[in-house]
Amino acid sequence: MSKHYEDDLSIAVADFLRLSAFDVMWWHSPNGGKRNAREGARLKRMGVLVGVPDYIFILPDNSVAFIELKLAKTAFHSKTYQSKVQKEFEAEYRSLVEPHDRYMVCRSVDEVAATLTGWGIEI
C-alpha cells in the first residue's frame, strides 16, 4: 500500500464492485482530498455536501444505501473513526429514511461484501 491508505482501500473496493456479478448502481463520492480554500468554496457553492459517505448505492428495491470506508487501526494509521460531519450526515440520513440499516462503516473489502450480502445483494 502507498501512503494513501484509504485511497488504496477505496480502489480495492471499487475493483471488487466492478468485478462482482450483481445488478446494483453504485458510485464513489470523492469529497475528500486536499483542496485549496478557493476550490473548496467553489465546490460548496456547486452543492457539494460535506460528510457524504464514500460509496452510494441504488439497490434493487429502489432504496438508497451508503458505505463509509475507514481504515482498520494499525501501527501506521490510527484515524479509524468518522469525522463530526460524517456522523451528522449519518444521523440525518437515519432520521429521514427507513430502513435505518442502509448506512454502514466498513474497514475492508470483506466487510463491504458482507454488508451488501446483508442488504440482500447476491455477490
C-alpha atoms as a PDB file:
ATOM      1  CA  MET A   1       0.000   0.000   0.000  1.00  0.00           C
ATOM      2  CA  SER A   2       1.094   3.554  -0.649  1.00  0.00           C
ATOM      3  CA  LYS A   3       0.893   6.372   1.872  1.00  0.00           C
ATOM      4  CA  HIS A   4      -2.674   6.940   0.644  1.00  0.00           C
ATOM      5  CA  TYR A   5      -4.052   4.061   2.689  1.00  0.00           C
ATOM      6  CA  GLU A   6      -7.736   4.980   2.478  1.00  0.00           C
ATOM      7  CA  ASP A   7      -7.396   5.651  -1.266  1.00  0.00           C
ATOM      8  CA  ASP A   8      -5.898   2.176  -1.672  1.00  0.00           C
ATOM      9  CA  LEU A   9      -8.832   0.672   0.228  1.00  0.00           C
ATOM     10  CA  SER A  10     -11.274   2.637  -1.964  1.00  0.00           C
ATOM     11  CA  ILE A  11      -9.576   1.357  -5.123  1.00  0.00           C
ATOM     12  CA  ALA A  12      -9.748  -2.219  -3.832  1.00  0.00           C
ATOM     13  CA  VAL A  13     -13.460  -1.797  -3.029  1.00  0.00           C
ATOM     14  CA  ALA A  14     -14.167  -0.267  -6.460  1.00  0.00           C
ATOM     15  CA  ASP A  15     -12.296  -3.130  -8.161  1.00  0.00           C
ATOM     16  CA  PHE A  16     -14.344  -5.629  -6.137  1.00  0.00           C
ATOM     17  CA  LEU A  17     -17.604  -3.875  -7.021  1.00  0.00           C
ATOM     18  CA  ARG A  18     -16.705  -3.777 -10.734  1.00  0.00           C
ATOM     19  CA  LEU A  19     -15.827  -7.487 -10.763  1.00  0.00           C
ATOM     20  CA  SER A  20     -18.830  -8.630  -8.733  1.00  0.00           C
ATOM     21  CA  ALA A  21     -21.765 -10.001 -10.647  1.00  0.00           C
ATOM     22  CA  PHE A  22     -24.648  -8.005  -9.256  1.00  0.00           C
ATOM     23  CA  ASP A  23     -27.054  -5.509 -10.717  1.00  0.00           C
ATOM     24  CA  VAL A  24     -26.695  -2.549  -8.381  1.00  0.00           C
ATOM     25  CA  MET A  25     -25.985   1.043  -9.340  1.00  0.00           C
ATOM     26  CA  TRP A  26     -23.123   2.470  -7.288  1.00  0.00           C
ATOM     27  CA  TRP A  27     -20.597   5.273  -7.310  1.00  0.00           C
ATOM     28  CA  HIS A  28     -17.879   6.807  -5.205  1.00  0.00           C
ATOM     29  CA  SER A  29     -18.287  10.346  -3.904  1.00  0.00           C
ATOM     30  CA  PRO A  30     -14.822  11.962  -3.931  1.00  0.00           C
ATOM     31  CA  ASN A  31     -15.423  14.536  -1.218  1.00  0.00           C
ATOM     32  CA  GLY A  32     -12.056  14.114   0.477  1.00  0.00           C
ATOM     33  CA  GLY A  33      -8.582  15.079  -0.571  1.00  0.00           C
ATOM     34  CA  LYS A  34      -6.545  18.231  -0.364  1.00  0.00           C
ATOM     35  CA  ARG A  35      -8.124  21.305  -1.920  1.00  0.00           C
ATOM     36  CA  ASN A  36      -7.290  24.951  -1.584  1.00  0.00           C
ATOM     37  CA  ALA A  37      -9.815  27.279   0.061  1.00  0.00           C
ATOM     38  CA  ARG A  38     -10.927  28.796  -3.248  1.00  0.00           C
ATOM     39  CA  GLU A  39     -11.700  25.431  -4.828  1.00  0.00           C
ATOM     40  CA  GLY A  40     -13.430  24.238  -1.647  1.00  0.00           C
ATOM     41  CA  ALA A  41     -15.646  27.328  -1.609  1.00  0.00           C
ATOM     42  CA  ARG A  42     -16.473  26.830  -5.305  1.00  0.00           C
ATOM     43  CA  LEU A  43     -17.427  23.200  -4.739  1.00  0.00           C
ATOM     44  CA  LYS A  44     -19.651  24.142  -1.770  1.00  0.00           C
ATOM     45  CA  ARG A  45     -21.423  26.712  -3.941  1.00  0.00           C
ATOM     46  CA  MET A  46     -21.970  23.966  -6.529  1.00  0.00           C
ATOM     47  CA  GLY A  47     -23.733  21.866  -3.909  1.00  0.00           C
ATOM     48  CA  VAL A  48     -21.030  19.516  -2.661  1.00  0.00           C
ATOM     49  CA  LEU A  49     -22.254  18.176   0.672  1.00  0.00           C
ATOM     50  CA  VAL A  50     -19.649  17.507   3.331  1.00  0.00           C
ATOM     51  CA  GLY A  51     -19.966  14.262   5.218  1.00  0.00           C
ATOM     52  CA  VAL A  52     -21.374  12.266   2.292  1.00  0.00           C
ATOM     53  CA  PRO A  53     -20.185   8.650   2.575  1.00  0.00           C
ATOM     54  CA  ASP A  54     -17.626   7.200   0.196  1.00  0.00           C
ATOM     55  CA  TYR A  55     -19.984   4.880  -1.692  1.00  0.00           C
ATOM     56  CA  ILE A  56     -23.601   5.382  -2.653  1.00  0.00           C
ATOM     57  CA  PHE A  57     -25.785   2.512  -3.863  1.00  0.00           C
ATOM     58  CA  ILE A  58     -29.198   2.315  -5.516  1.00  0.00           C
ATOM     59  CA  LEU A  59     -30.436  -1.130  -4.506  1.00  0.00           C
ATOM     60  CA  PRO A  60     -32.857  -3.329  -6.481  1.00  0.00           C
ATOM     61  CA  ASP A  61     -35.728  -2.321  -4.158  1.00  0.00           C
ATOM     62  CA  ASN A  62     -35.047   1.333  -5.166  1.00  0.00           C
ATOM     63  CA  SER A  63     -33.675   2.204  -1.742  1.00  0.00           C
ATOM     64  CA  VAL A  64     -30.510   4.225  -1.267  1.00  0.00           C
ATOM     65  CA  ALA A  65     -27.648   2.815   0.781  1.00  0.00           C
ATOM     66  CA  PHE A  66     -24.287   4.164   1.889  1.00  0.00           C
ATOM     67  CA  ILE A  67     -20.912   2.748   2.839  1.00  0.00           C
ATOM     68  CA  GLU A  68     -18.301   4.886   4.542  1.00  0.00           C
ATOM     69  CA  LEU A  69     -14.798   3.422   4.413  1.00  0.00           C
ATOM     70  CA  LYS A  70     -12.466   3.716   7.347  1.00  0.00           C
ATOM     71  CA  LEU A  71      -9.158   2.007   7.863  1.00  0.00           C
ATOM     72  CA  ALA A  72      -8.630  -0.645  10.463  1.00  0.00           C
ATOM     73  CA  LYS A  73      -6.378   0.671  13.197  1.00  0.00           C
ATOM     74  CA  THR A  74      -2.742  -0.190  12.523  1.00  0.00           C
ATOM     75  CA  ALA A  75       0.676   0.937  13.657  1.00  0.00           C
ATOM     76  CA  PHE A  76       0.744   3.158  10.546  1.00  0.00           C
ATOM     77  CA  HIS A  77      -2.710   4.682  10.762  1.00  0.00           C
ATOM     78  CA  SER A  78      -4.860   5.438  13.774  1.00  0.00           C
ATOM     79  CA  LYS A  79      -7.659   7.640  12.314  1.00  0.00           C
ATOM     80  CA  THR A  80     -10.298   4.949  12.209  1.00  0.00           C
ATOM     81  CA  TYR A  81     -13.321   6.977  13.157  1.00  0.00           C
ATOM     82  CA  GLN A  82     -15.903   9.072  11.351  1.00  0.00           C
ATOM     83  CA  SER A  83     -15.488  12.826  11.366  1.00  0.00           C
ATOM     84  CA  LYS A  84     -18.077  15.026  13.050  1.00  0.00           C
ATOM     85  CA  VAL A  85     -19.683  15.934   9.697  1.00  0.00           C
ATOM     86  CA  GLN A  86     -19.801  12.261   8.672  1.00  0.00           C
ATOM     87  CA  LYS A  87     -21.601  11.394  11.912  1.00  0.00           C
ATOM     88  CA  GLU A  88     -24.002  14.300  11.317  1.00  0.00           C
ATOM     89  CA  PHE A  89     -24.767  13.055   7.795  1.00  0.00           C
ATOM     90  CA  GLU A  90     -25.381   9.546   9.126  1.00  0.00           C
ATOM     91  CA  ALA A  91     -27.707  10.853  11.848  1.00  0.00           C
ATOM     92  CA  GLU A  92     -29.693  12.953   9.373  1.00  0.00           C
ATOM     93  CA  TYR A  93     -29.969  10.013   6.961  1.00  0.00           C
ATOM     94  CA  ARG A  94     -31.199   7.720   9.739  1.00  0.00           C
ATOM     95  CA  SER A  95     -33.781  10.326  10.813  1.00  0.00           C
ATOM     96  CA  LEU A  96     -35.231  10.569   7.292  1.00  0.00           C
ATOM     97  CA  VAL A  97     -35.063   7.101   5.781  1.00  0.00           C
ATOM     98  CA  GLU A  98     -36.373   3.635   6.560  1.00  0.00           C
ATOM     99  CA  PRO A  99     -34.827   1.135   6.945  1.00  0.00           C
ATOM    100  CA  HIS A 100     -32.064   2.703   9.005  1.00  0.00           C
ATOM    101  CA  ASP A 101     -29.588  -0.130   8.420  1.00  0.00           C
ATOM    102  CA  ARG A 102     -28.547   1.041   4.967  1.00  0.00           C
ATOM    103  CA  TYR A 103     -25.616   3.096   6.250  1.00  0.00           C
ATOM    104  CA  MET A 104     -22.533   1.121   7.238  1.00  0.00           C
ATOM    105  CA  VAL A 105     -18.928   1.866   8.111  1.00  0.00           C
ATOM    106  CA  CYS A 106     -16.665  -0.777   6.564  1.00  0.00           C
ATOM    107  CA  ARG A 107     -12.943  -1.355   7.045  1.00  0.00           C
ATOM    108  CA  SER A 108     -12.202  -3.943   4.353  1.00  0.00           C
ATOM    109  CA  VAL A 109     -13.426  -5.412   1.091  1.00  0.00           C
ATOM    110  CA  ASP A 110     -14.711  -8.398   3.070  1.00  0.00           C
ATOM    111  CA  GLU A 111     -16.823  -6.092   5.254  1.00  0.00           C
ATOM    112  CA  VAL A 112     -18.222  -4.401   2.128  1.00  0.00           C
ATOM    113  CA  ALA A 113     -19.133  -7.831   0.698  1.00  0.00           C
ATOM    114  CA  ALA A 114     -20.789  -8.866   3.981  1.00  0.00           C
ATOM    115  CA  THR A 115     -22.707  -5.570   4.122  1.00  0.00           C
ATOM    116  CA  LEU A 116     -24.004  -5.982   0.573  1.00  0.00           C
ATOM    117  CA  THR A 117     -24.999  -9.562   1.346  1.00  0.00           C
ATOM    118  CA  GLY A 118     -26.829  -8.316   4.446  1.00  0.00           C
ATOM    119  CA  TRP A 119     -28.694  -5.880   2.242  1.00  0.00           C
ATOM    120  CA  GLY A 120     -29.908  -8.823   0.160  1.00  0.00           C
ATOM    121  CA  ILE A 121     -27.426  -8.474  -2.708  1.00  0.00           C
ATOM    122  CA  GLU A 122     -26.103 -11.748  -4.080  1.00  0.00           C
ATOM    123  CA  ILE A 123     -22.363 -11.496  -4.638  1.00  0.00           C
END
